[in-house]
Amino acid sequence: MATEMTIIYTETHLTSDPEFYQDSAIFQIALSTITFYCHIHREENIEYIKTNRIRTGDIIRLYGVLITEPKQYIKISSLALITFSKPGKKRKMDEILTDPFVWFAENEERSMPTKSLTPMSMSPLDATCTLKKFEHYIEFSGSFYHYFFFLYGQAQFVCLHVTQNTNECHKSNVKHELEVCQQQNARELNGLITDIYQTATEVAKRGLSKLFVLSFVNKATLFIDKINDLLKTCDVPVPEGLEIDQRVPLPSDIYHFYIWNCS
């Protein structure tokens, strides 16, 4: 069963100093009258907190996902220091580093409208509608390296599955046609993977933008739709436990940007 997620993008203040562990950091923030724990695992975000000495009372802009099972907390994807409040430990504003991993850079905020999905401004009905609009997509939390191998593996599996599971009664009569079909399908899927890779390369060079993200999502959708169409031609179902999720996987950065900016 797919897990529903609520996207959090807000400015608030810390109600506790960060606690650092081997590969993570935890602190508390205030949302309305509720205090939430925030978990950070990205090395660049942890380093950002340490470099800017972020602590209780500081106001930060954060972007993350509300996790509700098994415990409730916010998984932080990016954050940026906005102001600080302790007069005894003043920091010059020009010493505050710009977070290179914040997706919503200032120029992007000025050029495109955004919506705040905080619990204070978003009703449960709004959240449900937003999630349903994007339920065809799923976040792939691994690296781009693993993402492309994931797509490649799906393509190879489906091509072999279609060939080997076509009705055996007719297989001997159409063996050549099946081989040609497999080669054609492989070429089409590999072509789509190449397009996805090239678009991802442009994103890496120029940064996330609505144009590139929409292009990436469209190509990934075509790829998965092609795979789903091929699976429908099989007479024998995929073995239990090996079912391919029919939703479109998107790398984490693109997934969150798409949900936030392309609704």
C-alpha atoms as a PDB file:
ATOM      1  CA  MET A   1       0.000   0.000   0.000  1.00  0.00           C
ATOM      2  CA  ALA A   2       1.361   3.433  -0.949  1.00  0.00           C
ATOM      3  CA  THR A   3       2.151   5.787   1.918  1.00  0.00           C
ATOM      4  CA  GLU A   4       0.601   9.252   1.658  1.00  0.00           C
ATOM      5  CA  MET A   5       2.910  12.162   2.322  1.00  0.00           C
ATOM      6  CA  THR A   6       2.417  15.775   3.292  1.00  0.00           C
ATOM      7  CA  ILE A   7       4.967  18.227   1.938  1.00  0.00           C
ATOM      8  CA  ILE A   8       6.167  20.831   4.449  1.00  0.00           C
ATOM      9  CA  TYR A   9       7.585  24.147   3.228  1.00  0.00           C
ATOM     10  CA  THR A  10       7.615  26.865   5.853  1.00  0.00           C
ATOM     11  CA  GLU A  11       9.548  29.396   7.901  1.00  0.00           C
ATOM     12  CA  THR A  12       9.642  28.808  11.637  1.00  0.00           C
ATOM     13  CA  HIS A  13      11.987  28.894  14.614  1.00  0.00           C
ATOM     14  CA  LEU A  14      13.934  26.219  16.434  1.00  0.00           C
ATOM     15  CA  THR A  15      12.729  25.309  19.902  1.00  0.00           C
ATOM     16  CA  SER A  16      15.813  23.225  20.696  1.00  0.00           C
ATOM     17  CA  ASP A  17      19.496  23.128  19.802  1.00  0.00           C
ATOM     18  CA  PRO A  18      20.449  20.536  17.166  1.00  0.00           C
ATOM     19  CA  GLU A  19      21.760  17.236  18.476  1.00  0.00           C
ATOM     20  CA  PHE A  20      24.351  15.598  16.239  1.00  0.00           C
ATOM     21  CA  TYR A  21      24.861  11.891  15.756  1.00  0.00           C
ATOM     22  CA  GLN A  22      27.190   9.890  13.522  1.00  0.00           C
ATOM     23  CA  ASP A  23      25.214  10.436  10.322  1.00  0.00           C
ATOM     24  CA  SER A  24      22.249  12.584  11.337  1.00  0.00           C
ATOM     25  CA  ALA A  25      21.023  15.583  13.282  1.00  0.00           C
ATOM     26  CA  ILE A  26      17.795  16.134  15.215  1.00  0.00           C
ATOM     27  CA  PHE A  27      16.157  19.335  16.437  1.00  0.00           C
ATOM     28  CA  GLN A  28      12.684  20.631  17.255  1.00  0.00           C
ATOM     29  CA  ILE A  29      10.648  23.348  15.537  1.00  0.00           C
ATOM     30  CA  ALA A  30       7.342  25.069  16.253  1.00  0.00           C
ATOM     31  CA  LEU A  31       4.406  24.728  13.859  1.00  0.00           C
ATOM     32  CA  SER A  32       1.394  26.624  15.150  1.00  0.00           C
ATOM     33  CA  THR A  33       0.940  25.253  18.688  1.00  0.00           C
ATOM     34  CA  ILE A  34       2.675  21.959  17.956  1.00  0.00           C
ATOM     35  CA  THR A  35       6.338  21.060  18.370  1.00  0.00           C
ATOM     36  CA  PHE A  36       7.784  18.715  15.760  1.00  0.00           C
ATOM     37  CA  TYR A  37      11.022  16.785  15.708  1.00  0.00           C
ATOM     38  CA  CYS A  38      13.053  17.248  12.530  1.00  0.00           C
ATOM     39  CA  HIS A  39      15.471  14.602  11.262  1.00  0.00           C
ATOM     40  CA  ILE A  40      18.316  15.440   8.881  1.00  0.00           C
ATOM     41  CA  HIS A  41      20.521  12.875   7.183  1.00  0.00           C
ATOM     42  CA  ARG A  42      22.022  14.737   4.234  1.00  0.00           C
ATOM     43  CA  GLU A  43      25.661  15.511   4.897  1.00  0.00           C
ATOM     44  CA  GLU A  44      25.493  18.927   3.216  1.00  0.00           C
ATOM     45  CA  ASN A  45      22.574  19.996   5.442  1.00  0.00           C
ATOM     46  CA  ILE A  46      24.310  18.824   8.615  1.00  0.00           C
ATOM     47  CA  GLU A  47      27.439  20.747   7.609  1.00  0.00           C
ATOM     48  CA  TYR A  48      25.296  23.824   6.905  1.00  0.00           C
ATOM     49  CA  ILE A  49      23.850  23.700  10.436  1.00  0.00           C
ATOM     50  CA  LYS A  50      27.295  23.385  11.978  1.00  0.00           C
ATOM     51  CA  THR A  51      28.877  26.117   9.833  1.00  0.00           C
ATOM     52  CA  ASN A  52      26.128  28.631  10.614  1.00  0.00           C
ATOM     53  CA  ARG A  53      25.851  27.525  14.242  1.00  0.00           C
ATOM     54  CA  ILE A  54      22.084  27.211  13.957  1.00  0.00           C
ATOM     55  CA  ARG A  55      20.484  26.920  17.395  1.00  0.00           C
ATOM     56  CA  THR A  56      17.411  27.558  19.545  1.00  0.00           C
ATOM     57  CA  GLY A  57      15.532  30.708  18.516  1.00  0.00           C
ATOM     58  CA  ASP A  58      16.919  30.912  14.987  1.00  0.00           C
ATOM     59  CA  ILE A  59      14.352  31.259  12.221  1.00  0.00           C
ATOM     60  CA  ILE A  60      14.867  28.889   9.316  1.00  0.00           C
ATOM     61  CA  ARG A  61      13.177  28.123   6.037  1.00  0.00           C
ATOM     62  CA  LEU A  62      12.802  24.384   5.626  1.00  0.00           C
ATOM     63  CA  TYR A  63      11.483  21.938   3.068  1.00  0.00           C
ATOM     64  CA  GLY A  64      10.665  18.348   3.918  1.00  0.00           C
ATOM     65  CA  VAL A  65       8.151  15.558   4.235  1.00  0.00           C
ATOM     66  CA  LEU A  66       5.941  14.793   7.221  1.00  0.00           C
ATOM     67  CA  ILE A  67       6.439  11.172   8.259  1.00  0.00           C
ATOM     68  CA  THR A  68       3.655   9.647  10.358  1.00  0.00           C
ATOM     69  CA  GLU A  69       4.585   5.960  10.650  1.00  0.00           C
ATOM     70  CA  PRO A  70       5.812   4.527  12.931  1.00  0.00           C
ATOM     71  CA  LYS A  71       6.692   7.848  14.609  1.00  0.00           C
ATOM     72  CA  GLN A  72       5.705  11.383  13.624  1.00  0.00           C
ATOM     73  CA  TYR A  73       8.537  13.664  12.512  1.00  0.00           C
ATOM     74  CA  ILE A  74       9.625  15.840   9.592  1.00  0.00           C
ATOM     75  CA  LYS A  75      12.283  14.481   7.250  1.00  0.00           C
ATOM     76  CA  ILE A  76      14.214  17.567   6.138  1.00  0.00           C
ATOM     77  CA  SER A  77      15.410  17.801   2.537  1.00  0.00           C
ATOM     78  CA  SER A  78      16.810  21.336   2.667  1.00  0.00           C
ATOM     79  CA  LEU A  79      16.944  24.337   4.971  1.00  0.00           C
ATOM     80  CA  ALA A  80      18.262  27.892   5.090  1.00  0.00           C
ATOM     81  CA  LEU A  81      18.920  30.273   7.968  1.00  0.00           C
ATOM     82  CA  ILE A  82      16.712  33.386   7.791  1.00  0.00           C
ATOM     83  CA  THR A  83      17.413  35.272  11.047  1.00  0.00           C
ATOM     84  CA  PHE A  84      18.958  34.662  14.425  1.00  0.00           C
ATOM     85  CA  SER A  85      17.921  35.930  17.823  1.00  0.00           C
ATOM     86  CA  LYS A  86      20.640  35.485  20.457  1.00  0.00           C
ATOM     87  CA  PRO A  87      22.297  38.888  20.999  1.00  0.00           C
ATOM     88  CA  GLY A  88      25.199  37.371  22.910  1.00  0.00           C
ATOM     89  CA  LYS A  89      26.302  35.344  19.904  1.00  0.00           C
ATOM     90  CA  LYS A  90      25.822  37.714  16.994  1.00  0.00           C
ATOM     91  CA  ARG A  91      26.678  36.702  13.460  1.00  0.00           C
ATOM     92  CA  LYS A  92      27.048  39.056  10.540  1.00  0.00           C
ATOM     93  CA  MET A  93      24.496  38.506   7.817  1.00  0.00           C
ATOM     94  CA  ASP A  94      27.225  38.284   5.180  1.00  0.00           C
ATOM     95  CA  GLU A  95      28.737  35.398   7.148  1.00  0.00           C
ATOM     96  CA  ILE A  96      25.590  33.322   6.802  1.00  0.00           C
ATOM     97  CA  LEU A  97      26.219  30.876   4.002  1.00  0.00           C
ATOM     98  CA  THR A  98      23.744  30.437   1.205  1.00  0.00           C
ATOM     99  CA  ASP A  99      22.516  26.858   1.176  1.00  0.00           C
ATOM    100  CA  PRO A 100      23.388  25.512  -2.308  1.00  0.00           C
ATOM    101  CA  PHE A 101      20.901  22.701  -1.868  1.00  0.00           C
ATOM    102  CA  VAL A 102      17.791  24.798  -1.254  1.00  0.00           C
ATOM    103  CA  TRP A 103      15.540  24.171  -4.251  1.00  0.00           C
ATOM    104  CA  PHE A 104      13.644  27.417  -3.872  1.00  0.00           C
ATOM    105  CA  ALA A 105      16.360  29.955  -4.566  1.00  0.00           C
ATOM    106  CA  GLU A 106      15.404  33.596  -4.171  1.00  0.00           C
ATOM    107  CA  ASN A 107      15.248  34.285  -7.910  1.00  0.00           C
ATOM    108  CA  GLU A 108      12.955  31.284  -8.399  1.00  0.00           C
ATOM    109  CA  GLU A 109      10.680  32.540  -5.645  1.00  0.00           C
ATOM    110  CA  ARG A 110      10.392  35.909  -7.357  1.00  0.00           C
ATOM    111  CA  SER A 111       9.703  34.416 -10.788  1.00  0.00           C
ATOM    112  CA  MET A 112       7.111  31.774  -9.947  1.00  0.00           C
ATOM    113  CA  PRO A 113       4.198  31.534  -7.505  1.00  0.00           C
ATOM    114  CA  THR A 114       4.522  29.079  -4.645  1.00  0.00           C
ATOM    115  CA  LYS A 115       2.119  27.580  -2.164  1.00  0.00           C
ATOM    116  CA  SER A 116       2.756  26.938   1.502  1.00  0.00           C
ATOM    117  CA  LEU A 117       1.757  23.445   2.521  1.00  0.00           C
ATOM    118  CA  THR A 118       2.150  23.929   6.246  1.00  0.00           C
ATOM    119  CA  PRO A 119      -0.450  22.568   8.657  1.00  0.00           C
ATOM    120  CA  MET A 120      -1.429  26.172   9.434  1.00  0.00           C
ATOM    121  CA  SER A 121      -2.454  27.064   5.882  1.00  0.00           C
ATOM    122  CA  MET A 122      -3.488  23.790   4.311  1.00  0.00           C
ATOM    123  CA  SER A 123      -6.654  21.897   5.143  1.00  0.00           C
ATOM    124  CA  PRO A 124      -6.780  18.074   5.141  1.00  0.00           C
ATOM    125  CA  LEU A 125      -9.022  18.231   2.069  1.00  0.00           C
ATOM    126  CA  ASP A 126      -6.496  20.393   0.192  1.00  0.00           C
ATOM    127  CA  ALA A 127      -3.693  18.029   1.143  1.00  0.00           C
ATOM    128  CA  THR A 128      -5.668  15.002  -0.032  1.00  0.00           C
ATOM    129  CA  CYS A 129      -6.499  16.644  -3.371  1.00  0.00           C
ATOM    130  CA  THR A 130      -2.870  17.624  -3.923  1.00  0.00           C
ATOM    131  CA  LEU A 131      -1.628  14.115  -3.190  1.00  0.00           C
ATOM    132  CA  LYS A 132      -4.240  12.509  -5.438  1.00  0.00           C
ATOM    133  CA  LYS A 133      -3.126  14.673  -8.357  1.00  0.00           C
ATOM    134  CA  PHE A 134       0.316  13.124  -8.106  1.00  0.00           C
ATOM    135  CA  GLU A 135      -0.549   9.602  -6.983  1.00  0.00           C
ATOM    136  CA  HIS A 136       0.652   8.326 -10.379  1.00  0.00           C
ATOM    137  CA  TYR A 137       4.208   9.188  -9.252  1.00  0.00           C
ATOM    138  CA  ILE A 138       6.463   7.774  -6.555  1.00  0.00           C
ATOM    139  CA  GLU A 139       9.675   9.071  -5.008  1.00  0.00           C
ATOM    140  CA  PHE A 140      12.901   7.179  -5.757  1.00  0.00           C
ATOM    141  CA  SER A 141      15.165   8.047  -2.844  1.00  0.00           C
ATOM    142  CA  GLY A 142      18.385   6.507  -4.169  1.00  0.00           C
ATOM    143  CA  SER A 143      21.075   8.224  -6.221  1.00  0.00           C
ATOM    144  CA  PHE A 144      20.782   8.990  -9.941  1.00  0.00           C
ATOM    145  CA  TYR A 145      23.241   6.140 -10.481  1.00  0.00           C
ATOM    146  CA  HIS A 146      20.859   3.633  -8.913  1.00  0.00           C
ATOM    147  CA  TYR A 147      17.866   5.314 -10.553  1.00  0.00           C
ATOM    148  CA  PHE A 148      19.138   4.692 -14.071  1.00  0.00           C
ATOM    149  CA  PHE A 149      20.100   1.097 -13.289  1.00  0.00           C
ATOM    150  CA  PHE A 150      16.607   0.661 -11.866  1.00  0.00           C
ATOM    151  CA  LEU A 151      15.053   1.837 -15.148  1.00  0.00           C
ATOM    152  CA  TYR A 152      17.454  -0.250 -17.215  1.00  0.00           C
ATOM    153  CA  GLY A 153      16.651  -3.350 -15.167  1.00  0.00           C
ATOM    154  CA  GLN A 154      12.928  -2.820 -15.654  1.00  0.00           C
ATOM    155  CA  ALA A 155      13.394  -2.486 -19.410  1.00  0.00           C
ATOM    156  CA  GLN A 156      15.441  -5.682 -19.693  1.00  0.00           C
ATOM    157  CA  PHE A 157      13.068  -7.654 -17.480  1.00  0.00           C
ATOM    158  CA  VAL A 158       9.952  -6.603 -19.368  1.00  0.00           C
ATOM    159  CA  CYS A 159      11.447  -7.372 -22.792  1.00  0.00           C
ATOM    160  CA  LEU A 160      12.439 -10.880 -21.673  1.00  0.00           C
ATOM    161  CA  HIS A 161       9.150 -11.414 -19.861  1.00  0.00           C
ATOM    162  CA  VAL A 162       7.080 -10.521 -22.923  1.00  0.00           C
ATOM    163  CA  THR A 163       9.092 -12.867 -25.137  1.00  0.00           C
ATOM    164  CA  GLN A 164       9.143 -15.861 -22.790  1.00  0.00           C
ATOM    165  CA  ASN A 165       5.538 -15.669 -21.637  1.00  0.00           C
ATOM    166  CA  THR A 166       3.733 -15.226 -24.929  1.00  0.00           C
ATOM    167  CA  ASN A 167       1.204 -18.022 -25.485  1.00  0.00           C
ATOM    168  CA  GLU A 168       3.247 -21.204 -26.070  1.00  0.00           C
ATOM    169  CA  CYS A 169       0.731 -22.500 -28.631  1.00  0.00           C
ATOM    170  CA  HIS A 170       1.658 -19.759 -31.030  1.00  0.00           C
ATOM    171  CA  LYS A 171       5.242 -19.158 -30.002  1.00  0.00           C
ATOM    172  CA  SER A 172       6.775 -21.601 -32.485  1.00  0.00           C
ATOM    173  CA  ASN A 173       4.979 -19.901 -35.375  1.00  0.00           C
ATOM    174  CA  VAL A 174       5.994 -16.388 -34.484  1.00  0.00           C
ATOM    175  CA  LYS A 175       9.473 -16.875 -32.985  1.00  0.00           C
ATOM    176  CA  HIS A 176      11.065 -14.545 -35.504  1.00  0.00           C
ATOM    177  CA  GLU A 177       8.400 -11.892 -34.983  1.00  0.00           C
ATOM    178  CA  LEU A 178       8.909 -12.108 -31.220  1.00  0.00           C
ATOM    179  CA  GLU A 179      12.651 -11.623 -31.549  1.00  0.00           C
ATOM    180  CA  VAL A 180      12.125  -8.614 -33.805  1.00  0.00           C
ATOM    181  CA  CYS A 181       9.543  -7.225 -31.390  1.00  0.00           C
ATOM    182  CA  GLN A 182      11.912  -7.674 -28.451  1.00  0.00           C
ATOM    183  CA  GLN A 183      14.689  -5.852 -30.289  1.00  0.00           C
ATOM    184  CA  GLN A 184      12.338  -3.019 -31.237  1.00  0.00           C
ATOM    185  CA  ASN A 185      11.028  -2.690 -27.684  1.00  0.00           C
ATOM    186  CA  ALA A 186      14.569  -2.691 -26.325  1.00  0.00           C
ATOM    187  CA  ARG A 187      15.574   0.067 -28.750  1.00  0.00           C
ATOM    188  CA  GLU A 188      12.556   2.189 -27.815  1.00  0.00           C
ATOM    189  CA  LEU A 189      13.109   1.763 -24.074  1.00  0.00           C
ATOM    190  CA  ASN A 190      16.845   2.388 -24.323  1.00  0.00           C
ATOM    191  CA  GLY A 191      16.098   5.484 -26.395  1.00  0.00           C
ATOM    192  CA  LEU A 192      13.805   6.779 -23.653  1.00  0.00           C
ATOM    193  CA  ILE A 193      16.456   6.050 -21.011  1.00  0.00           C
ATOM    194  CA  THR A 194      18.949   8.041 -23.083  1.00  0.00           C
ATOM    195  CA  ASP A 195      16.496  10.964 -23.244  1.00  0.00           C
ATOM    196  CA  ILE A 196      15.974  10.776 -19.479  1.00  0.00           C
ATOM    197  CA  TYR A 197      19.727  10.745 -18.896  1.00  0.00           C
ATOM    198  CA  GLN A 198      20.306  13.745 -21.167  1.00  0.00           C
ATOM    199  CA  THR A 199      17.567  15.729 -19.422  1.00  0.00           C
ATOM    200  CA  ALA A 200      19.031  14.826 -16.023  1.00  0.00           C
ATOM    201  CA  THR A 201      22.417  16.052 -17.251  1.00  0.00           C
ATOM    202  CA  GLU A 202      20.870  19.409 -18.162  1.00  0.00           C
ATOM    203  CA  VAL A 203      19.257  19.616 -14.722  1.00  0.00           C
ATOM    204  CA  ALA A 204      22.634  18.927 -13.099  1.00  0.00           C
ATOM    205  CA  LYS A 205      24.273  21.687 -15.165  1.00  0.00           C
ATOM    206  CA  ARG A 206      21.600  24.384 -14.944  1.00  0.00           C
ATOM    207  CA  GLY A 207      19.729  23.512 -11.773  1.00  0.00           C
ATOM    208  CA  LEU A 208      16.103  22.622 -11.208  1.00  0.00           C
ATOM    209  CA  SER A 209      13.598  24.589 -13.251  1.00  0.00           C
ATOM    210  CA  LYS A 210       9.994  23.999 -14.202  1.00  0.00           C
ATOM    211  CA  LEU A 211      10.899  23.489 -17.876  1.00  0.00           C
ATOM    212  CA  PHE A 212      13.535  20.809 -17.265  1.00  0.00           C
ATOM    213  CA  VAL A 213      11.547  19.067 -14.537  1.00  0.00           C
ATOM    214  CA  LEU A 214       8.444  18.818 -16.739  1.00  0.00           C
ATOM    215  CA  SER A 215      10.598  17.468 -19.570  1.00  0.00           C
ATOM    216  CA  PHE A 216      12.129  14.862 -17.259  1.00  0.00           C
ATOM    217  CA  VAL A 217       8.738  13.815 -15.854  1.00  0.00           C
ATOM    218  CA  ASN A 218       7.215  13.517 -19.344  1.00  0.00           C
ATOM    219  CA  LYS A 219      10.047  11.260 -20.543  1.00  0.00           C
ATOM    220  CA  ALA A 220       9.932   9.114 -17.407  1.00  0.00           C
ATOM    221  CA  THR A 221       6.150   8.813 -17.805  1.00  0.00           C
ATOM    222  CA  LEU A 222       6.509   7.677 -21.426  1.00  0.00           C
ATOM    223  CA  PHE A 223       9.045   5.082 -20.307  1.00  0.00           C
ATOM    224  CA  ILE A 224       6.818   3.619 -17.577  1.00  0.00           C
ATOM    225  CA  ASP A 225       3.719   3.749 -19.808  1.00  0.00           C
ATOM    226  CA  LYS A 226       5.646   1.757 -22.419  1.00  0.00           C
ATOM    227  CA  ILE A 227       6.616  -0.830 -19.804  1.00  0.00           C
ATOM    228  CA  ASN A 228       3.031  -1.085 -18.520  1.00  0.00           C
ATOM    229  CA  ASP A 229       1.721  -1.531 -22.075  1.00  0.00           C
ATOM    230  CA  LEU A 230       4.217  -4.341 -22.683  1.00  0.00           C
ATOM    231  CA  LEU A 231       3.254  -6.092 -19.454  1.00  0.00           C
ATOM    232  CA  LYS A 232      -0.380  -6.072 -20.559  1.00  0.00           C
ATOM    233  CA  THR A 233       0.577  -8.168 -23.607  1.00  0.00           C
ATOM    234  CA  CYS A 234       1.816 -11.017 -21.384  1.00  0.00           C
ATOM    235  CA  ASP A 235      -0.463 -14.021 -20.989  1.00  0.00           C
ATOM    236  CA  VAL A 236       1.310 -15.167 -17.814  1.00  0.00           C
ATOM    237  CA  PRO A 237       1.325 -12.812 -14.805  1.00  0.00           C
ATOM    238  CA  VAL A 238       4.523 -11.721 -13.137  1.00  0.00           C
ATOM    239  CA  PRO A 239       5.375 -14.063 -10.215  1.00  0.00           C
ATOM    240  CA  GLU A 240       4.052 -12.892  -6.854  1.00  0.00           C
ATOM    241  CA  GLY A 241       6.525 -10.592  -5.148  1.00  0.00           C
ATOM    242  CA  LEU A 242       8.051  -9.465  -8.453  1.00  0.00           C
ATOM    243  CA  GLU A 243       5.260  -7.166  -9.550  1.00  0.00           C
ATOM    244  CA  ILE A 244       6.481  -3.933 -11.087  1.00  0.00           C
ATOM    245  CA  ASP A 245       4.978  -0.810  -9.542  1.00  0.00           C
ATOM    246  CA  GLN A 246       3.021   0.872 -12.329  1.00  0.00           C
ATOM    247  CA  ARG A 247       3.606   4.336 -10.900  1.00  0.00           C
ATOM    248  CA  VAL A 248       6.296   6.580 -12.374  1.00  0.00           C
ATOM    249  CA  PRO A 249       9.450   6.701 -10.204  1.00  0.00           C
ATOM    250  CA  LEU A 250      11.106  10.116  -9.938  1.00  0.00           C
ATOM    251  CA  PRO A 251      14.385  11.025  -8.186  1.00  0.00           C
ATOM    252  CA  SER A 252      13.748  12.762  -4.858  1.00  0.00           C
ATOM    253  CA  ASP A 253      14.722  16.304  -5.933  1.00  0.00           C
ATOM    254  CA  ILE A 254      12.648  16.142  -9.115  1.00  0.00           C
ATOM    255  CA  TYR A 255       9.730  14.445  -7.335  1.00  0.00           C
ATOM    256  CA  HIS A 256       9.438  17.161  -4.682  1.00  0.00           C
ATOM    257  CA  PHE A 257      10.011  20.024  -7.136  1.00  0.00           C
ATOM    258  CA  TYR A 258       7.358  18.593  -9.471  1.00  0.00           C
ATOM    259  CA  ILE A 259       4.761  18.280  -6.708  1.00  0.00           C
ATOM    260  CA  TRP A 260       5.511  21.723  -5.333  1.00  0.00           C
ATOM    261  CA  ASN A 261       5.883  23.809  -8.506  1.00  0.00           C
ATOM    262  CA  CYS A 262       3.961  21.960 -11.211  1.00  0.00           C
ATOM    263  CA  SER A 263       0.535  21.498  -9.617  1.00  0.00           C
END
